[in-house]
Amino acid sequence: MLSLTLEDFMVELNDGSIKNVGPANKSATVKMFDVESAEAREFGDKRVKLVFEDDDGSEVQVSLFPEDVRKLADDIETLEEDSPVFE
């Protein structure tokens, strides 16, 4: 399941073209639950792309620098040691 929340978001649709309307203070939150598959792969010369897909075919891609991937891996390792989630 993919949940998308858009804040202060307005666009203009005119003759099939989408145009930003209003100030550039827009933000979005994306949440994906019940992930069916996840993978990591190279993205350009300096980043790692994490790709998550649910069973409905929705996909979220996240591009991170290697140091951020290492931090994430450390966080997961800490969870494995301390959290009942991994029991």
PDB file of N, CA and C in Angstrom:
ATOM      1  N   MET A   1       0.843  -1.173   0.000  1.00  0.00           N
ATOM      2  CA  MET A   1       0.000   0.000   0.000  1.00  0.00           C
ATOM      3  C   MET A   1       0.885   1.231   0.000  1.00  0.00           C
ATOM      4  N   LEU A   2       0.560   2.165  -0.849  1.00  0.00           N
ATOM      5  CA  LEU A   2       1.306   3.416  -0.963  1.00  0.00           C
ATOM      6  C   LEU A   2       0.424   4.546  -0.481  1.00  0.00           C
ATOM      7  N   SER A   3       0.935   5.341   0.445  1.00  0.00           N
ATOM      8  CA  SER A   3       0.227   6.505   0.958  1.00  0.00           C
ATOM      9  C   SER A   3       1.016   7.742   0.571  1.00  0.00           C
ATOM     10  N   LEU A   4       0.366   8.695  -0.067  1.00  0.00           N
ATOM     11  CA  LEU A   4       1.020   9.920  -0.536  1.00  0.00           C
ATOM     12  C   LEU A   4       0.272  11.114   0.031  1.00  0.00           C
ATOM     13  N   THR A   5       0.978  11.958   0.780  1.00  0.00           N
ATOM     14  CA  THR A   5       0.394  13.167   1.340  1.00  0.00           C
ATOM     15  C   THR A   5       1.113  14.361   0.738  1.00  0.00           C
ATOM     16  N   LEU A   6       0.365  15.266   0.153  1.00  0.00           N
ATOM     17  CA  LEU A   6       0.919  16.472  -0.458  1.00  0.00           C
ATOM     18  C   LEU A   6       0.442  17.679   0.334  1.00  0.00           C
ATOM     19  N   GLU A   7       1.351  18.560   0.681  1.00  0.00           N
ATOM     20  CA  GLU A   7       1.023  19.755   1.450  1.00  0.00           C
ATOM     21  C   GLU A   7       1.177  21.000   0.582  1.00  0.00           C
ATOM     22  N   ASP A   8       0.193  21.884   0.698  1.00  0.00           N
ATOM     23  CA  ASP A   8       0.220  23.155  -0.036  1.00  0.00           C
ATOM     24  C   ASP A   8       0.497  22.931  -1.515  1.00  0.00           C
ATOM     25  N   PHE A   9      -0.197  21.981  -2.079  1.00  0.00           N
ATOM     26  CA  PHE A   9       0.073  21.563  -3.456  1.00  0.00           C
ATOM     27  C   PHE A   9      -1.064  21.999  -4.361  1.00  0.00           C
ATOM     28  N   MET A  10      -0.718  22.769  -5.362  1.00  0.00           N
ATOM     29  CA  MET A  10      -1.713  23.177  -6.335  1.00  0.00           C
ATOM     30  C   MET A  10      -1.042  23.248  -7.708  1.00  0.00           C
ATOM     31  N   VAL A  11      -1.706  22.679  -8.686  1.00  0.00           N
ATOM     32  CA  VAL A  11      -1.221  22.751 -10.054  1.00  0.00           C
ATOM     33  C   VAL A  11      -2.357  23.227 -10.944  1.00  0.00           C
ATOM     34  N   GLU A  12      -1.967  23.709 -12.082  1.00  0.00           N
ATOM     35  CA  GLU A  12      -2.925  24.141 -13.091  1.00  0.00           C
ATOM     36  C   GLU A  12      -2.830  23.180 -14.265  1.00  0.00           C
ATOM     37  N   LEU A  13      -3.958  22.665 -14.691  1.00  0.00           N
ATOM     38  CA  LEU A  13      -4.008  21.778 -15.843  1.00  0.00           C
ATOM     39  C   LEU A  13      -4.640  22.559 -16.987  1.00  0.00           C
ATOM     40  N   ASN A  14      -3.859  22.763 -18.051  1.00  0.00           N
ATOM     41  CA  ASN A  14      -4.328  23.568 -19.169  1.00  0.00           C
ATOM     42  C   ASN A  14      -3.873  22.917 -20.472  1.00  0.00           C
ATOM     43  N   ASP A  15      -4.822  22.483 -21.273  1.00  0.00           N
ATOM     44  CA  ASP A  15      -4.526  21.841 -22.559  1.00  0.00           C
ATOM     45  C   ASP A  15      -3.547  20.680 -22.420  1.00  0.00           C
ATOM     46  N   GLY A  16      -3.706  19.894 -21.365  1.00  0.00           N
ATOM     47  CA  GLY A  16      -2.871  18.710 -21.169  1.00  0.00           C
ATOM     48  C   GLY A  16      -1.528  18.981 -20.520  1.00  0.00           C
ATOM     49  N   SER A  17      -1.229  20.238 -20.210  1.00  0.00           N
ATOM     50  CA  SER A  17       0.027  20.580 -19.548  1.00  0.00           C
ATOM     51  C   SER A  17      -0.221  20.878 -18.080  1.00  0.00           C
ATOM     52  N   ILE A  18       0.706  20.416 -17.223  1.00  0.00           N
ATOM     53  CA  ILE A  18       0.612  20.681 -15.801  1.00  0.00           C
ATOM     54  C   ILE A  18       1.614  21.771 -15.450  1.00  0.00           C
ATOM     55  N   LYS A  19       1.128  22.788 -14.738  1.00  0.00           N
ATOM     56  CA  LYS A  19       1.971  23.919 -14.366  1.00  0.00           C
ATOM     57  C   LYS A  19       1.847  24.151 -12.865  1.00  0.00           C
ATOM     58  N   ASN A  20       2.987  24.401 -12.210  1.00  0.00           N
ATOM     59  CA  ASN A  20       3.001  24.728 -10.797  1.00  0.00           C
ATOM     60  C   ASN A  20       2.258  26.041 -10.570  1.00  0.00           C
ATOM     61  N   VAL A  21       1.424  26.087  -9.540  1.00  0.00           N
ATOM     62  CA  VAL A  21       0.698  27.301  -9.200  1.00  0.00           C
ATOM     63  C   VAL A  21       1.028  27.650  -7.755  1.00  0.00           C
ATOM     64  N   GLY A  22       1.302  28.897  -7.482  1.00  0.00           N
ATOM     65  CA  GLY A  22       1.557  29.343  -6.123  1.00  0.00           C
ATOM     66  C   GLY A  22       3.019  29.268  -5.747  1.00  0.00           C
ATOM     67  N   PRO A  23       3.289  29.495  -4.441  1.00  0.00           N
ATOM     68  CA  PRO A  23       4.677  29.528  -3.967  1.00  0.00           C
ATOM     69  C   PRO A  23       5.331  28.153  -3.984  1.00  0.00           C
ATOM     70  N   ALA A  24       6.641  28.147  -3.835  1.00  0.00           N
ATOM     71  CA  ALA A  24       7.420  26.903  -3.876  1.00  0.00           C
ATOM     72  C   ALA A  24       7.605  26.309  -2.480  1.00  0.00           C
ATOM     73  N   ASN A  25       6.553  26.317  -1.675  1.00  0.00           N
ATOM     74  CA  ASN A  25       6.645  25.787  -0.315  1.00  0.00           C
ATOM     75  C   ASN A  25       5.965  24.431  -0.183  1.00  0.00           C
ATOM     76  N   LYS A  26       5.883  23.699  -1.252  1.00  0.00           N
ATOM     77  CA  LYS A  26       5.210  22.409  -1.267  1.00  0.00           C
ATOM     78  C   LYS A  26       6.073  21.341  -0.593  1.00  0.00           C
ATOM     79  N   SER A  27       5.418  20.351  -0.022  1.00  0.00           N
ATOM     80  CA  SER A  27       6.141  19.220   0.551  1.00  0.00           C
ATOM     81  C   SER A  27       5.304  17.963   0.362  1.00  0.00           C
ATOM     82  N   ALA A  28       5.964  16.827   0.471  1.00  0.00           N
ATOM     83  CA  ALA A  28       5.262  15.555   0.293  1.00  0.00           C
ATOM     84  C   ALA A  28       5.818  14.521   1.262  1.00  0.00           C
ATOM     85  N   THR A  29       4.973  13.606   1.661  1.00  0.00           N
ATOM     86  CA  THR A  29       5.359  12.466   2.476  1.00  0.00           C
ATOM     87  C   THR A  29       4.853  11.220   1.774  1.00  0.00           C
ATOM     88  N   VAL A  30       5.740  10.250   1.597  1.00  0.00           N
ATOM     89  CA  VAL A  30       5.362   8.988   0.963  1.00  0.00           C
ATOM     90  C   VAL A  30       5.626   7.873   1.958  1.00  0.00           C
ATOM     91  N   LYS A  31       4.642   7.009   2.135  1.00  0.00           N
ATOM     92  CA  LYS A  31       4.786   5.848   2.998  1.00  0.00           C
ATOM     93  C   LYS A  31       4.377   4.614   2.206  1.00  0.00           C
ATOM     94  N   MET A  32       5.175   3.560   2.317  1.00  0.00           N
ATOM     95  CA  MET A  32       4.843   2.313   1.644  1.00  0.00           C
ATOM     96  C   MET A  32       4.815   1.197   2.684  1.00  0.00           C
ATOM     97  N   PHE A  33       3.731   0.451   2.679  1.00  0.00           N
ATOM     98  CA  PHE A  33       3.560  -0.674   3.588  1.00  0.00           C
ATOM     99  C   PHE A  33       3.413  -1.945   2.762  1.00  0.00           C
ATOM    100  N   ASP A  34       3.634  -3.069   3.376  1.00  0.00           N
ATOM    101  CA  ASP A  34       3.504  -4.365   2.710  1.00  0.00           C
ATOM    102  C   ASP A  34       4.395  -4.445   1.474  1.00  0.00           C
ATOM    103  N   VAL A  35       5.674  -4.101   1.661  1.00  0.00           N
ATOM    104  CA  VAL A  35       6.647  -4.139   0.565  1.00  0.00           C
ATOM    105  C   VAL A  35       6.838  -5.580   0.116  1.00  0.00           C
ATOM    106  N   GLU A  36       6.707  -5.802  -1.158  1.00  0.00           N
ATOM    107  CA  GLU A  36       6.860  -7.132  -1.752  1.00  0.00           C
ATOM    108  C   GLU A  36       8.311  -7.410  -2.132  1.00  0.00           C
ATOM    109  N   SER A  37       9.016  -6.370  -2.608  1.00  0.00           N
ATOM    110  CA  SER A  37      10.416  -6.549  -2.988  1.00  0.00           C
ATOM    111  C   SER A  37      11.201  -5.277  -2.691  1.00  0.00           C
ATOM    112  N   ALA A  38      12.483  -5.477  -2.405  1.00  0.00           N
ATOM    113  CA  ALA A  38      13.391  -4.359  -2.144  1.00  0.00           C
ATOM    114  C   ALA A  38      14.748  -4.725  -2.714  1.00  0.00           C
ATOM    115  N   GLU A  39      15.395  -3.752  -3.334  1.00  0.00           N
ATOM    116  CA  GLU A  39      16.732  -4.001  -3.879  1.00  0.00           C
ATOM    117  C   GLU A  39      17.563  -2.738  -3.838  1.00  0.00           C
ATOM    118  N   ALA A  40      18.868  -2.914  -3.866  1.00  0.00           N
ATOM    119  CA  ALA A  40      19.822  -1.810  -3.925  1.00  0.00           C
ATOM    120  C   ALA A  40      20.646  -1.981  -5.188  1.00  0.00           C
ATOM    121  N   ARG A  41      20.917  -0.867  -5.867  1.00  0.00           N
ATOM    122  CA  ARG A  41      21.746  -0.923  -7.083  1.00  0.00           C
ATOM    123  C   ARG A  41      22.467   0.403  -7.257  1.00  0.00           C
ATOM    124  N   GLU A  42      23.476   0.395  -8.112  1.00  0.00           N
ATOM    125  CA  GLU A  42      24.228   1.615  -8.386  1.00  0.00           C
ATOM    126  C   GLU A  42      23.339   2.637  -9.071  1.00  0.00           C
ATOM    127  N   PHE A  43      23.596   3.901  -8.757  1.00  0.00           N
ATOM    128  CA  PHE A  43      22.865   4.988  -9.392  1.00  0.00           C
ATOM    129  C   PHE A  43      23.878   6.067  -9.730  1.00  0.00           C
ATOM    130  N   GLY A  44      24.247   6.131 -10.986  1.00  0.00           N
ATOM    131  CA  GLY A  44      25.293   7.069 -11.386  1.00  0.00           C
ATOM    132  C   GLY A  44      26.633   6.626 -10.832  1.00  0.00           C
ATOM    133  N   ASP A  45      27.539   7.591 -10.675  1.00  0.00           N
ATOM    134  CA  ASP A  45      28.892   7.289 -10.206  1.00  0.00           C
ATOM    135  C   ASP A  45      29.036   7.345  -8.693  1.00  0.00           C
ATOM    136  N   LYS A  46      28.103   7.991  -7.987  1.00  0.00           N
ATOM    137  CA  LYS A  46      28.333   8.265  -6.581  1.00  0.00           C
ATOM    138  C   LYS A  46      27.190   7.913  -5.651  1.00  0.00           C
ATOM    139  N   ARG A  47      26.157   7.277  -6.138  1.00  0.00           N
ATOM    140  CA  ARG A  47      25.006   7.021  -5.282  1.00  0.00           C
ATOM    141  C   ARG A  47      24.536   5.577  -5.370  1.00  0.00           C
ATOM    142  N   VAL A  48      23.724   5.228  -4.401  1.00  0.00           N
ATOM    143  CA  VAL A  48      23.070   3.927  -4.361  1.00  0.00           C
ATOM    144  C   VAL A  48      21.576   4.180  -4.428  1.00  0.00           C
ATOM    145  N   LYS A  49      20.889   3.437  -5.274  1.00  0.00           N
ATOM    146  CA  LYS A  49      19.437   3.576  -5.374  1.00  0.00           C
ATOM    147  C   LYS A  49      18.790   2.394  -4.674  1.00  0.00           C
ATOM    148  N   LEU A  50      17.890   2.690  -3.743  1.00  0.00           N
ATOM    149  CA  LEU A  50      17.082   1.676  -3.093  1.00  0.00           C
ATOM    150  C   LEU A  50      15.713   1.702  -3.763  1.00  0.00           C
ATOM    151  N   VAL A  51      15.231   0.537  -4.170  1.00  0.00           N
ATOM    152  CA  VAL A  51      13.957   0.437  -4.881  1.00  0.00           C
ATOM    153  C   VAL A  51      13.036  -0.495  -4.099  1.00  0.00           C
ATOM    154  N   PHE A  52      11.848   0.001  -3.779  1.00  0.00           N
ATOM    155  CA  PHE A  52      10.855  -0.767  -3.023  1.00  0.00           C
ATOM    156  C   PHE A  52       9.586  -0.864  -3.861  1.00  0.00           C
ATOM    157  N   GLU A  53       8.997  -2.057  -3.914  1.00  0.00           N
ATOM    158  CA  GLU A  53       7.770  -2.260  -4.688  1.00  0.00           C
ATOM    159  C   GLU A  53       6.781  -3.069  -3.866  1.00  0.00           C
ATOM    160  N   ASP A  54       5.497  -2.680  -3.943  1.00  0.00           N
ATOM    161  CA  ASP A  54       4.475  -3.455  -3.246  1.00  0.00           C
ATOM    162  C   ASP A  54       3.775  -4.374  -4.232  1.00  0.00           C
ATOM    163  N   ASP A  55       2.846  -5.196  -3.726  1.00  0.00           N
ATOM    164  CA  ASP A  55       2.203  -6.176  -4.596  1.00  0.00           C
ATOM    165  C   ASP A  55       1.176  -5.556  -5.537  1.00  0.00           C
ATOM    166  N   ASP A  56       0.900  -4.248  -5.384  1.00  0.00           N
ATOM    167  CA  ASP A  56       0.030  -3.538  -6.328  1.00  0.00           C
ATOM    168  C   ASP A  56       0.813  -2.943  -7.494  1.00  0.00           C
ATOM    169  N   GLY A  57       2.152  -3.074  -7.449  1.00  0.00           N
ATOM    170  CA  GLY A  57       2.986  -2.507  -8.500  1.00  0.00           C
ATOM    171  C   GLY A  57       3.441  -1.086  -8.236  1.00  0.00           C
ATOM    172  N   SER A  58       3.061  -0.508  -7.079  1.00  0.00           N
ATOM    173  CA  SER A  58       3.557   0.825  -6.722  1.00  0.00           C
ATOM    174  C   SER A  58       5.035   0.713  -6.388  1.00  0.00           C
ATOM    175  N   GLU A  59       5.794   1.724  -6.743  1.00  0.00           N
ATOM    176  CA  GLU A  59       7.244   1.686  -6.553  1.00  0.00           C
ATOM    177  C   GLU A  59       7.725   2.995  -5.953  1.00  0.00           C
ATOM    178  N   VAL A  60       8.668   2.888  -5.010  1.00  0.00           N
ATOM    179  CA  VAL A  60       9.337   4.043  -4.433  1.00  0.00           C
ATOM    180  C   VAL A  60      10.830   3.848  -4.639  1.00  0.00           C
ATOM    181  N   GLN A  61      11.503   4.877  -5.152  1.00  0.00           N
ATOM    182  CA  GLN A  61      12.946   4.829  -5.353  1.00  0.00           C
ATOM    183  C   GLN A  61      13.580   5.922  -4.496  1.00  0.00           C
ATOM    184  N   VAL A  62      14.680   5.559  -3.827  1.00  0.00           N
ATOM    185  CA  VAL A  62      15.395   6.495  -2.973  1.00  0.00           C
ATOM    186  C   VAL A  62      16.868   6.446  -3.357  1.00  0.00           C
ATOM    187  N   SER A  63      17.451   7.595  -3.630  1.00  0.00           N
ATOM    188  CA  SER A  63      18.860   7.680  -3.990  1.00  0.00           C
ATOM    189  C   SER A  63      19.637   8.223  -2.790  1.00  0.00           C
ATOM    190  N   LEU A  64      20.665   7.477  -2.368  1.00  0.00           N
ATOM    191  CA  LEU A  64      21.465   7.867  -1.208  1.00  0.00           C
ATOM    192  C   LEU A  64      22.946   7.853  -1.540  1.00  0.00           C
ATOM    193  N   PHE A  65      23.707   8.696  -0.842  1.00  0.00           N
ATOM    194  CA  PHE A  65      25.159   8.630  -0.935  1.00  0.00           C
ATOM    195  C   PHE A  65      25.632   7.441  -0.095  1.00  0.00           C
ATOM    196  N   PRO A  66      26.789   6.864  -0.426  1.00  0.00           N
ATOM    197  CA  PRO A  66      27.279   5.678   0.288  1.00  0.00           C
ATOM    198  C   PRO A  66      27.336   5.848   1.812  1.00  0.00           C
ATOM    199  N   GLU A  67      27.732   7.030   2.297  1.00  0.00           N
ATOM    200  CA  GLU A  67      27.804   7.220   3.757  1.00  0.00           C
ATOM    201  C   GLU A  67      26.419   7.122   4.411  1.00  0.00           C
ATOM    202  N   ASP A  68      25.384   7.529   3.687  1.00  0.00           N
ATOM    203  CA  ASP A  68      24.025   7.411   4.212  1.00  0.00           C
ATOM    204  C   ASP A  68      23.567   5.949   4.209  1.00  0.00           C
ATOM    205  N   VAL A  69      23.984   5.185   3.199  1.00  0.00           N
ATOM    206  CA  VAL A  69      23.667   3.759   3.148  1.00  0.00           C
ATOM    207  C   VAL A  69      24.354   3.033   4.298  1.00  0.00           C
ATOM    208  N   ARG A  70      25.609   3.392   4.570  1.00  0.00           N
ATOM    209  CA  ARG A  70      26.334   2.768   5.675  1.00  0.00           C
ATOM    210  C   ARG A  70      25.654   3.075   7.010  1.00  0.00           C
ATOM    211  N   LYS A  71      25.193   4.308   7.190  1.00  0.00           N
ATOM    212  CA  LYS A  71      24.487   4.692   8.414  1.00  0.00           C
ATOM    213  C   LYS A  71      23.204   3.878   8.555  1.00  0.00           C
ATOM    214  N   LEU A  72      22.487   3.711   7.470  1.00  0.00           N
ATOM    215  CA  LEU A  72      21.270   2.912   7.480  1.00  0.00           C
ATOM    216  C   LEU A  72      21.573   1.458   7.835  1.00  0.00           C
ATOM    217  N   ALA A  73      22.646   0.915   7.271  1.00  0.00           N
ATOM    218  CA  ALA A  73      23.053  -0.466   7.572  1.00  0.00           C
ATOM    219  C   ALA A  73      23.425  -0.592   9.052  1.00  0.00           C
ATOM    220  N   ASP A  74      24.089   0.417   9.606  1.00  0.00           N
ATOM    221  CA  ASP A  74      24.420   0.409  11.036  1.00  0.00           C
ATOM    222  C   ASP A  74      23.153   0.436  11.886  1.00  0.00           C
ATOM    223  N   ASP A  75      22.182   1.245  11.487  1.00  0.00           N
ATOM    224  CA  ASP A  75      20.911   1.310  12.217  1.00  0.00           C
ATOM    225  C   ASP A  75      20.212  -0.047  12.211  1.00  0.00           C
ATOM    226  N   ILE A  76      20.236  -0.720  11.078  1.00  0.00           N
ATOM    227  CA  ILE A  76      19.608  -2.043  10.973  1.00  0.00           C
ATOM    228  C   ILE A  76      20.345  -3.048  11.854  1.00  0.00           C
ATOM    229  N   GLU A  77      21.665  -2.987  11.848  1.00  0.00           N
ATOM    230  CA  GLU A  77      22.458  -3.889  12.684  1.00  0.00           C
ATOM    231  C   GLU A  77      22.144  -3.675  14.162  1.00  0.00           C
ATOM    232  N   THR A  78      21.997  -2.426  14.580  1.00  0.00           N
ATOM    233  CA  THR A  78      21.634  -2.123  15.968  1.00  0.00           C
ATOM    234  C   THR A  78      20.254  -2.678  16.298  1.00  0.00           C
ATOM    235  N   LEU A  79      19.320  -2.540  15.372  1.00  0.00           N
ATOM    236  CA  LEU A  79      17.989  -3.100  15.590  1.00  0.00           C
ATOM    237  C   LEU A  79      18.059  -4.622  15.740  1.00  0.00           C
ATOM    238  N   GLU A  80      18.875  -5.268  14.916  1.00  0.00           N
ATOM    239  CA  GLU A  80      19.002  -6.724  14.985  1.00  0.00           C
ATOM    240  C   GLU A  80      19.491  -7.160  16.362  1.00  0.00           C
ATOM    241  N   GLU A  81      20.367  -6.365  16.969  1.00  0.00           N
ATOM    242  CA  GLU A  81      20.934  -6.699  18.269  1.00  0.00           C
ATOM    243  C   GLU A  81      19.978  -6.386  19.423  1.00  0.00           C
ATOM    244  N   ASP A  82      19.207  -5.292  19.306  1.00  0.00           N
ATOM    245  CA  ASP A  82      18.470  -4.767  20.452  1.00  0.00           C
ATOM    246  C   ASP A  82      16.955  -4.848  20.363  1.00  0.00           C
ATOM    247  N   SER A  83      16.412  -5.038  19.194  1.00  0.00           N
ATOM    248  CA  SER A  83      14.967  -4.933  19.034  1.00  0.00           C
ATOM    249  C   SER A  83      14.278  -6.296  19.030  1.00  0.00           C
ATOM    250  N   PRO A  84      13.115  -6.387  19.661  1.00  0.00           N
ATOM    251  CA  PRO A  84      12.362  -7.630  19.610  1.00  0.00           C
ATOM    252  C   PRO A  84      11.799  -7.927  18.215  1.00  0.00           C
ATOM    253  N   VAL A  85      11.850  -6.969  17.314  1.00  0.00           N
ATOM    254  CA  VAL A  85      11.399  -7.177  15.949  1.00  0.00           C
ATOM    255  C   VAL A  85      12.166  -8.308  15.287  1.00  0.00           C
ATOM    256  N   PHE A  86      13.448  -8.458  15.635  1.00  0.00           N
ATOM    257  CA  PHE A  86      14.302  -9.461  14.986  1.00  0.00           C
ATOM    258  C   PHE A  86      14.408 -10.757  15.782  1.00  0.00           C
ATOM    259  N   GLU A  87      13.550 -10.943  16.776  1.00  0.00           N
ATOM    260  CA  GLU A  87      13.591 -12.188  17.554  1.00  0.00           C
ATOM    261  C   GLU A  87      12.883 -13.301  16.835  1.00  0.00           C
TER     262      GLU A  87
END
